[in-house]
Amino acid sequence: MRIDIDDLTVEIAGTRLVEDVTLRVGGGQLVGLVGPNGSGKSTLLRCVYRALRPSAGTVRLGGEDLRAMSTREGARRLAALPQEAVAEFDFTVTEVVAMGRLPHQPAAARTTAEDRRACEAALARVGADHLADRGFLTLSGGEKQRVLIARALAQQPRVLVLDEPTNHLDIAQQLEMLNLVRGSGLTVFTALHDLNLAAVHCDLLYVIEHGRIVASGVPYDVLTPELLADVFGVRAHRVPHPESGAVQLLFDRLPPAQPAS
């Protein structure tokens, strides 16, 4: 299922955080959103998973306006993992993952055998089935992230929106997680800080700066030294990955600007 974002603008307290953003995420693609801190990545994603109402513009899933869908129907199509997920109560891991089944259940319905199978399968996919009986608040940051992704998978959506899904994960877990979502068959739209992970795992990248999309395309074409200097303020050296050939980046500080003569 594709995502279409057209002319999206978010203005809060007179400040435009996102301005006239138009982008496409094709069905089954993993598309990355990259940019400096404060560039508007999380704000844009919040509009996609309906945590924030845009000031203007539309988000469509499979050609249908997301705002015209009921909350339940939207949740059947799209699951999200925000950057900061807060749990106020110490639910067990099984209970947290089971929350992903709510869009598929009638009001006040009990958990079914199908729900339990979906939750067990989701935990197994992220390698967290051994945590099923643990309290969520007792988990490490990386374990919590795995459980929250399992909850999203248990929801059985067609679209995943992930805001920094590799936060709190060590490098092996980061690679496993991105391989998992890439192999899920779902449409995935994700914000990433690590440009090398984005270069290897994403089909397409959109670069956002000051709330506007300033570049888009396949990672090799987008992650140029010129763009990285302009947007991120670093000097980048591009090298090919020895196995995949994907562009990888080595960074230096930009040399200090020379005073005008």
Protein backbone atom coordinates (compact mmCIF):
# COMPACT_ATOMS: atom_id res chain seq x y z
CA MET A 1 0.00 0.00 0.00
CA ARG A 2 1.48 3.34 -1.04
CA ILE A 3 1.65 6.59 0.91
CA ASP A 4 1.01 9.89 -0.88
CA ILE A 5 1.75 13.15 0.92
CA ASP A 6 0.69 16.31 -0.93
CA ASP A 7 1.48 19.92 -0.03
CA LEU A 8 1.70 19.16 3.69
CA THR A 9 2.24 22.15 5.97
CA VAL A 10 2.37 22.27 9.77
CA GLU A 11 2.25 25.63 11.52
CA ILE A 12 2.26 25.89 15.31
CA ALA A 13 2.17 29.17 17.24
CA GLY A 14 2.99 31.08 14.08
CA THR A 15 6.03 28.98 13.22
CA ARG A 16 6.07 26.73 10.17
CA LEU A 17 7.66 23.44 11.16
CA VAL A 18 6.89 21.67 7.86
CA GLU A 19 6.19 23.54 4.63
CA ASP A 20 4.66 22.32 1.36
CA VAL A 21 6.03 18.77 1.60
CA THR A 22 5.09 16.41 -1.23
CA LEU A 23 6.48 12.89 -1.36
CA ARG A 24 5.62 9.35 -2.37
CA VAL A 25 6.33 6.01 -0.72
CA GLY A 26 5.64 3.15 -3.10
CA GLY A 27 3.95 -0.05 -1.99
CA GLY A 28 6.46 -2.44 -0.43
CA GLN A 29 9.26 0.14 -0.39
CA LEU A 30 11.44 1.13 2.54
CA VAL A 31 11.79 4.90 2.30
CA GLY A 32 13.97 6.91 4.63
CA LEU A 33 13.56 10.48 5.86
CA VAL A 34 16.86 12.05 6.90
CA GLY A 35 17.86 15.50 8.08
CA PRO A 36 19.49 17.38 10.95
CA ASN A 37 17.92 17.59 14.40
CA GLY A 38 14.98 19.98 14.34
CA SER A 39 14.51 19.73 10.59
CA GLY A 40 10.90 18.49 10.81
CA LYS A 41 11.27 14.71 10.51
CA SER A 42 9.21 13.76 13.55
CA THR A 43 6.61 16.46 12.86
CA LEU A 44 6.06 15.10 9.37
CA LEU A 45 5.79 11.51 10.59
CA ARG A 46 3.30 12.51 13.30
CA CYS A 47 1.01 13.80 10.56
CA VAL A 48 1.28 10.47 8.75
CA TYR A 49 0.23 8.43 11.80
CA ARG A 50 -2.36 11.02 12.88
CA ALA A 51 -0.79 12.18 16.13
CA LEU A 52 -0.78 15.69 14.66
CA ARG A 53 -3.20 17.41 12.30
CA PRO A 54 -1.48 19.32 9.50
CA SER A 55 -2.39 22.94 8.85
CA ALA A 56 -2.76 22.15 5.16
CA GLY A 57 -2.26 19.27 2.75
CA THR A 58 -3.28 15.63 2.67
CA VAL A 59 -1.95 12.18 3.52
CA ARG A 60 -3.37 9.27 1.52
CA LEU A 61 -3.02 5.54 2.07
CA GLY A 62 -3.68 3.49 -1.02
CA GLY A 63 -5.21 6.57 -2.63
CA GLU A 64 -7.68 7.23 0.23
CA ASP A 65 -7.53 10.31 2.44
CA LEU A 66 -6.30 9.17 5.85
CA ARG A 67 -8.39 11.82 7.65
CA ALA A 68 -11.56 10.44 6.08
CA MET A 69 -10.96 7.01 7.63
CA SER A 70 -12.20 5.97 11.03
CA THR A 71 -9.55 5.55 13.71
CA ARG A 72 -10.10 1.78 13.62
CA GLU A 73 -9.81 1.54 9.84
CA GLY A 74 -6.68 3.70 9.84
CA ALA A 75 -5.12 1.47 12.52
CA ARG A 76 -5.84 -1.62 10.44
CA ARG A 77 -3.84 -0.12 7.60
CA LEU A 78 -1.05 1.71 9.43
CA ALA A 79 1.00 1.01 12.55
CA ALA A 80 3.46 3.47 14.05
CA LEU A 81 6.40 3.41 16.39
CA PRO A 82 7.00 6.95 17.71
CA GLN A 83 10.45 8.02 18.80
CA GLU A 84 9.50 8.21 22.47
CA ALA A 85 6.93 5.61 23.51
CA VAL A 86 5.83 5.99 27.14
CA ALA A 87 4.33 3.23 29.26
CA GLU A 88 2.72 4.49 32.46
CA PHE A 89 1.82 1.06 33.83
CA ASP A 90 3.92 -2.05 34.09
CA PHE A 91 2.09 -4.25 31.62
CA THR A 92 3.66 -7.56 30.73
CA VAL A 93 5.28 -7.86 27.32
CA THR A 94 2.43 -10.12 26.21
CA GLU A 95 -0.10 -7.45 27.23
CA VAL A 96 1.80 -4.70 25.40
CA VAL A 97 1.98 -6.70 22.17
CA ALA A 98 -1.70 -7.65 22.50
CA MET A 99 -2.58 -3.94 22.29
CA GLY A 100 -1.70 -4.20 18.61
CA ARG A 101 -4.74 -6.44 18.14
CA LEU A 102 -7.28 -3.85 19.33
CA PRO A 103 -8.14 -2.53 15.84
CA HIS A 104 -9.22 -6.06 14.87
CA GLN A 105 -11.47 -6.64 17.89
CA PRO A 106 -15.05 -5.53 18.48
CA ALA A 107 -15.58 -3.31 21.51
CA ALA A 108 -15.08 -5.18 24.81
CA ALA A 109 -14.19 -8.39 22.96
CA ARG A 110 -11.92 -10.96 24.52
CA THR A 111 -8.59 -11.95 23.06
CA THR A 112 -9.07 -14.79 20.59
CA ALA A 113 -6.83 -17.67 19.65
CA GLU A 114 -6.06 -15.83 16.41
CA ASP A 115 -4.97 -12.77 18.42
CA ARG A 116 -2.69 -14.92 20.56
CA ARG A 117 -1.12 -16.55 17.50
CA ALA A 118 -0.50 -13.15 15.91
CA CYS A 119 1.18 -11.86 19.09
CA GLU A 120 3.33 -14.95 19.52
CA ALA A 121 4.42 -14.79 15.88
CA ALA A 122 5.29 -11.10 16.16
CA LEU A 123 7.41 -11.64 19.27
CA ALA A 124 9.21 -14.51 17.61
CA ARG A 125 9.93 -12.39 14.51
CA VAL A 126 11.75 -9.78 16.56
CA GLY A 127 13.52 -12.35 18.72
CA ALA A 128 11.71 -11.33 21.91
CA ASP A 129 9.49 -14.34 22.61
CA HIS A 130 11.58 -15.15 25.69
CA LEU A 131 10.44 -11.84 27.20
CA ALA A 132 6.71 -12.65 27.02
CA ASP A 133 6.14 -12.78 30.80
CA ARG A 134 8.45 -9.92 31.75
CA GLY A 135 7.16 -6.56 32.90
CA PHE A 136 7.66 -3.96 30.17
CA LEU A 137 9.20 -1.44 32.59
CA THR A 138 11.89 -3.94 33.61
CA LEU A 139 13.28 -4.17 30.08
CA SER A 140 16.34 -2.47 28.67
CA GLY A 141 15.89 0.22 26.04
CA GLY A 142 16.74 -2.20 23.25
CA GLU A 143 14.35 -4.83 24.55
CA LYS A 144 11.54 -2.28 24.79
CA GLN A 145 12.15 -1.26 21.18
CA ARG A 146 11.86 -4.86 20.02
CA VAL A 147 8.61 -5.33 21.93
CA LEU A 148 7.11 -2.15 20.49
CA ILE A 149 7.98 -3.26 16.97
CA ALA A 150 6.40 -6.63 17.77
CA ARG A 151 3.25 -4.75 18.82
CA ALA A 152 3.23 -2.96 15.47
CA LEU A 153 3.65 -6.25 13.59
CA ALA A 154 0.89 -7.90 15.63
CA GLN A 155 -1.38 -5.13 14.39
CA GLN A 156 -0.96 -6.68 10.91
CA PRO A 157 -0.92 -3.34 9.09
CA ARG A 158 0.04 -2.73 5.50
CA VAL A 159 2.12 0.36 6.34
CA LEU A 160 4.72 0.89 9.07
CA VAL A 161 5.80 4.38 10.14
CA LEU A 162 8.91 4.31 12.32
CA ASP A 163 10.58 7.29 13.99
CA GLU A 164 14.18 6.36 14.72
CA PRO A 165 13.49 2.62 15.17
CA THR A 166 17.16 1.84 15.82
CA ASN A 167 17.34 4.06 18.92
CA HIS A 168 18.67 2.17 21.96
CA LEU A 169 19.78 -0.80 19.84
CA ASP A 170 23.36 -1.98 19.52
CA ILE A 171 24.80 -2.29 16.01
CA ALA A 172 23.89 -5.96 15.57
CA GLN A 173 20.33 -5.25 16.68
CA GLN A 174 20.12 -2.23 14.36
CA LEU A 175 21.04 -4.38 11.38
CA GLU A 176 18.64 -7.13 12.43
CA MET A 177 15.78 -4.67 12.90
CA LEU A 178 16.20 -2.96 9.54
CA ASN A 179 16.55 -6.32 7.80
CA LEU A 180 13.38 -7.44 9.55
CA VAL A 181 11.26 -4.46 8.50
CA ARG A 182 12.73 -4.53 4.99
CA GLY A 183 11.80 -8.20 4.67
CA SER A 184 8.32 -7.72 6.12
CA GLY A 185 6.71 -7.02 2.75
CA LEU A 186 5.12 -3.88 4.23
CA THR A 187 5.42 -0.32 3.06
CA VAL A 188 7.86 1.30 5.51
CA PHE A 189 8.43 5.03 6.01
CA THR A 190 11.11 5.74 8.59
CA ALA A 191 13.17 8.58 9.96
CA LEU A 192 16.82 7.64 10.48
CA HIS A 193 19.78 9.50 11.95
CA ASP A 194 22.45 7.08 10.76
CA LEU A 195 23.11 7.95 7.14
CA ASN A 196 25.11 4.77 6.51
CA LEU A 197 22.23 2.59 7.68
CA ALA A 198 19.91 4.64 5.51
CA ALA A 199 22.18 4.24 2.50
CA VAL A 200 22.28 0.45 2.79
CA HIS A 201 18.69 -0.32 3.71
CA CYS A 202 16.49 2.31 2.04
CA ASP A 203 15.15 2.15 -1.49
CA LEU A 204 14.72 5.92 -1.58
CA LEU A 205 15.69 8.84 0.63
CA TYR A 206 14.07 12.19 1.24
CA VAL A 207 16.24 14.88 2.82
CA ILE A 208 14.42 17.48 4.91
CA GLU A 209 15.90 20.78 6.06
CA HIS A 210 14.03 23.58 7.84
CA GLY A 211 10.77 21.78 7.14
CA ARG A 212 11.25 21.47 3.38
CA ILE A 213 12.31 18.55 1.20
CA VAL A 214 15.60 19.60 -0.39
CA ALA A 215 16.62 16.35 -2.13
CA SER A 216 15.18 12.95 -2.96
CA GLY A 217 16.17 9.84 -4.87
CA VAL A 218 18.19 6.67 -4.45
CA PRO A 219 20.82 6.93 -1.70
CA TYR A 220 23.80 7.02 -4.07
CA ASP A 221 22.39 10.03 -5.90
CA VAL A 222 21.24 11.86 -2.78
CA LEU A 223 24.14 11.45 -0.34
CA THR A 224 26.66 13.60 -2.16
CA PRO A 225 29.50 15.50 -0.46
CA GLU A 226 27.92 18.76 -1.57
CA LEU A 227 24.54 18.01 0.00
CA LEU A 228 26.07 16.68 3.20
CA ALA A 229 28.15 19.82 3.56
CA ASP A 230 25.17 22.10 2.90
CA VAL A 231 22.58 20.29 5.02
CA PHE A 232 24.58 18.54 7.76
CA GLY A 233 27.64 20.78 7.92
CA VAL A 234 30.17 17.96 7.51
CA ARG A 235 32.74 16.93 4.94
CA ALA A 236 31.94 13.46 3.62
CA HIS A 237 34.09 10.91 1.82
CA ARG A 238 32.12 8.33 -0.15
CA VAL A 239 33.33 4.73 -0.31
CA PRO A 240 31.56 1.62 -1.66
CA HIS A 241 30.45 -1.09 0.76
CA PRO A 242 32.83 -4.03 0.07
CA GLU A 243 29.96 -6.53 -0.33
CA SER A 244 26.84 -4.68 -1.44
CA GLY A 245 28.51 -1.78 -3.23
CA ALA A 246 26.13 0.63 -1.47
CA VAL A 247 27.55 4.06 -0.80
CA GLN A 248 29.05 4.47 2.67
CA LEU A 249 30.27 7.66 4.26
CA LEU A 250 33.28 8.73 6.27
CA PHE A 251 32.98 12.10 7.96
CA ASP A 252 35.26 14.98 8.86
CA ARG A 253 34.54 18.43 10.17
CA LEU A 254 34.37 21.05 7.49
CA PRO A 255 37.49 23.21 7.38
CA PRO A 256 36.95 26.62 8.99
CA ALA A 257 35.76 29.33 6.66
CA GLN A 258 38.53 31.62 5.50
CA PRO A 259 38.10 35.28 6.45
CA ALA A 260 37.26 37.59 3.59
CA SER A 261 40.27 39.48 2.35
